[in-house]
């Protein structure tokens, strides 16, 4: 379960940001996670709840925005969403594609009080 380590990192980022701003409470954290990361939202939320215990983020809502896998075709320059992990261009059927999205993992926003 790699979610526990990720949850710990998210908490550290949020706590550091809250400290810089002089906050006493973290109420929401918005996370952007690409489909290729393989995060399970329920597990992520559960793990975050565990690591956030006894911190100013203990009651924070973790909002996870999943982004799809996207690619660019080197042959016809089409940009497309990868469906069912089929890395073939839907326009020209080329396998010469570059993944352009879906592996990101970042804290997008932190709501503090």
Protein backbone atom coordinates (compact mmCIF):
# COMPACT_ATOMS: atom_id res chain seq x y z
CA UNK A 1 0.00 0.00 0.00
CA UNK A 2 1.99 2.98 -1.28
CA UNK A 3 -0.82 5.32 -0.26
CA UNK A 4 0.55 5.57 3.31
CA UNK A 5 3.85 7.09 2.17
CA UNK A 6 2.09 9.45 -0.20
CA UNK A 7 -0.34 10.48 2.54
CA UNK A 8 2.59 11.28 4.82
CA UNK A 9 4.21 13.43 2.12
CA UNK A 10 0.94 15.29 1.48
CA UNK A 11 0.57 15.97 5.19
CA UNK A 12 4.13 17.32 5.41
CA UNK A 13 3.50 19.67 2.46
CA UNK A 14 0.24 20.90 4.00
CA UNK A 15 1.70 21.38 7.47
CA UNK A 16 4.64 23.32 6.07
CA UNK A 17 2.34 25.60 4.06
CA UNK A 18 0.08 26.12 7.08
CA UNK A 19 3.06 27.00 9.28
CA UNK A 20 4.29 29.58 6.74
CA UNK A 21 0.85 31.23 6.79
CA UNK A 22 0.39 31.05 10.56
CA UNK A 23 -2.66 28.81 10.25
CA UNK A 24 -4.17 26.91 13.14
CA UNK A 25 -6.26 24.50 11.10
CA UNK A 26 -6.15 22.77 7.71
CA UNK A 27 -9.70 22.14 6.53
CA UNK A 28 -9.23 20.85 2.96
CA UNK A 29 -6.47 19.59 0.70
CA UNK A 30 -7.03 19.27 -3.04
CA UNK A 31 -4.84 16.63 -4.65
CA UNK A 32 -4.38 16.00 -8.39
CA UNK A 33 -3.50 12.38 -9.11
CA UNK A 34 -2.97 10.88 -12.54
CA UNK A 35 -4.57 7.56 -13.36
CA UNK A 36 -1.13 5.98 -13.88
CA UNK A 37 -0.32 6.57 -10.20
CA UNK A 38 -2.71 3.78 -9.30
CA UNK A 39 -4.03 5.51 -6.21
CA UNK A 40 -7.18 4.09 -4.69
CA UNK A 41 -9.12 7.11 -3.40
CA UNK A 42 -10.69 5.28 -0.45
CA UNK A 43 -7.32 3.93 0.65
CA UNK A 44 -5.73 7.33 0.19
CA UNK A 45 -8.39 9.00 2.32
CA UNK A 46 -8.06 6.30 4.99
CA UNK A 47 -4.26 6.60 5.10
CA UNK A 48 -4.41 10.37 5.23
CA UNK A 49 -6.80 10.17 8.19
CA UNK A 50 -4.31 7.98 10.04
CA UNK A 51 -1.22 10.13 9.44
CA UNK A 52 -3.12 13.38 10.14
CA UNK A 53 -4.25 12.30 13.62
CA UNK A 54 -3.21 14.73 16.36
CA UNK A 55 -2.23 17.45 13.85
CA UNK A 56 -3.97 20.62 12.68
CA UNK A 57 -5.08 18.58 9.65
CA UNK A 58 -6.89 15.91 11.69
CA UNK A 59 -10.32 16.97 10.39
CA UNK A 60 -9.19 17.99 6.89
CA UNK A 61 -11.11 16.78 3.86
CA UNK A 62 -8.85 15.22 1.23
CA UNK A 63 -10.30 15.93 -2.21
CA UNK A 64 -8.74 13.78 -4.94
CA UNK A 65 -9.08 14.85 -8.57
CA UNK A 66 -8.08 11.99 -10.87
CA UNK A 67 -6.73 12.89 -14.29
CA UNK A 68 -6.86 10.52 -17.28
CA UNK A 69 -3.95 9.16 -19.25
CA UNK A 70 -3.39 11.31 -22.35
CA UNK A 71 -0.99 10.93 -25.26
CA UNK A 72 0.30 12.61 -28.40
CA UNK A 73 0.79 10.78 -31.71
CA UNK A 74 4.20 11.37 -33.30
CA UNK A 75 2.87 10.38 -36.74
CA UNK A 76 -0.29 12.46 -37.15
CA UNK A 77 0.07 14.91 -34.20
CA UNK A 78 -3.26 13.91 -32.68
CA UNK A 79 -3.73 14.41 -28.94
CA UNK A 80 -6.00 11.86 -27.30
CA UNK A 81 -7.17 10.20 -24.11
CA UNK A 82 -5.78 6.69 -23.69
CA UNK A 83 -8.68 4.28 -23.24
CA UNK A 84 -8.24 0.92 -21.50
CA UNK A 85 -4.44 1.32 -21.59
CA UNK A 86 -4.38 0.98 -25.40
CA UNK A 87 -1.47 3.13 -26.48
CA UNK A 88 -2.50 3.38 -30.11
CA UNK A 89 -3.55 6.55 -31.87
CA UNK A 90 -7.32 6.42 -32.48
CA UNK A 91 -6.90 8.59 -35.59
CA UNK A 92 -4.13 6.76 -37.50
CA UNK A 93 -3.55 3.58 -35.41
CA UNK A 94 0.12 4.41 -34.91
CA UNK A 95 1.96 3.05 -31.88
CA UNK A 96 4.39 5.97 -32.00
CA UNK A 97 2.80 7.86 -29.13
CA UNK A 98 4.16 9.83 -26.20
CA UNK A 99 2.32 9.91 -22.88
CA UNK A 100 1.53 13.55 -22.03
CA UNK A 101 -0.59 13.19 -18.91
CA UNK A 102 -1.82 10.83 -16.26
CA UNK A 103 1.29 10.42 -14.13
CA UNK A 104 1.05 13.67 -12.18
CA UNK A 105 0.73 13.81 -8.41
CA UNK A 106 0.59 17.20 -6.74
CA UNK A 107 -1.11 19.21 -4.07
CA UNK A 108 -3.28 21.69 -5.95
CA UNK A 109 -4.73 23.71 -3.09
CA UNK A 110 -4.78 23.83 0.70
CA UNK A 111 -7.60 25.50 2.61
CA UNK A 112 -6.45 26.80 5.97
CA UNK A 113 -7.91 28.79 8.85
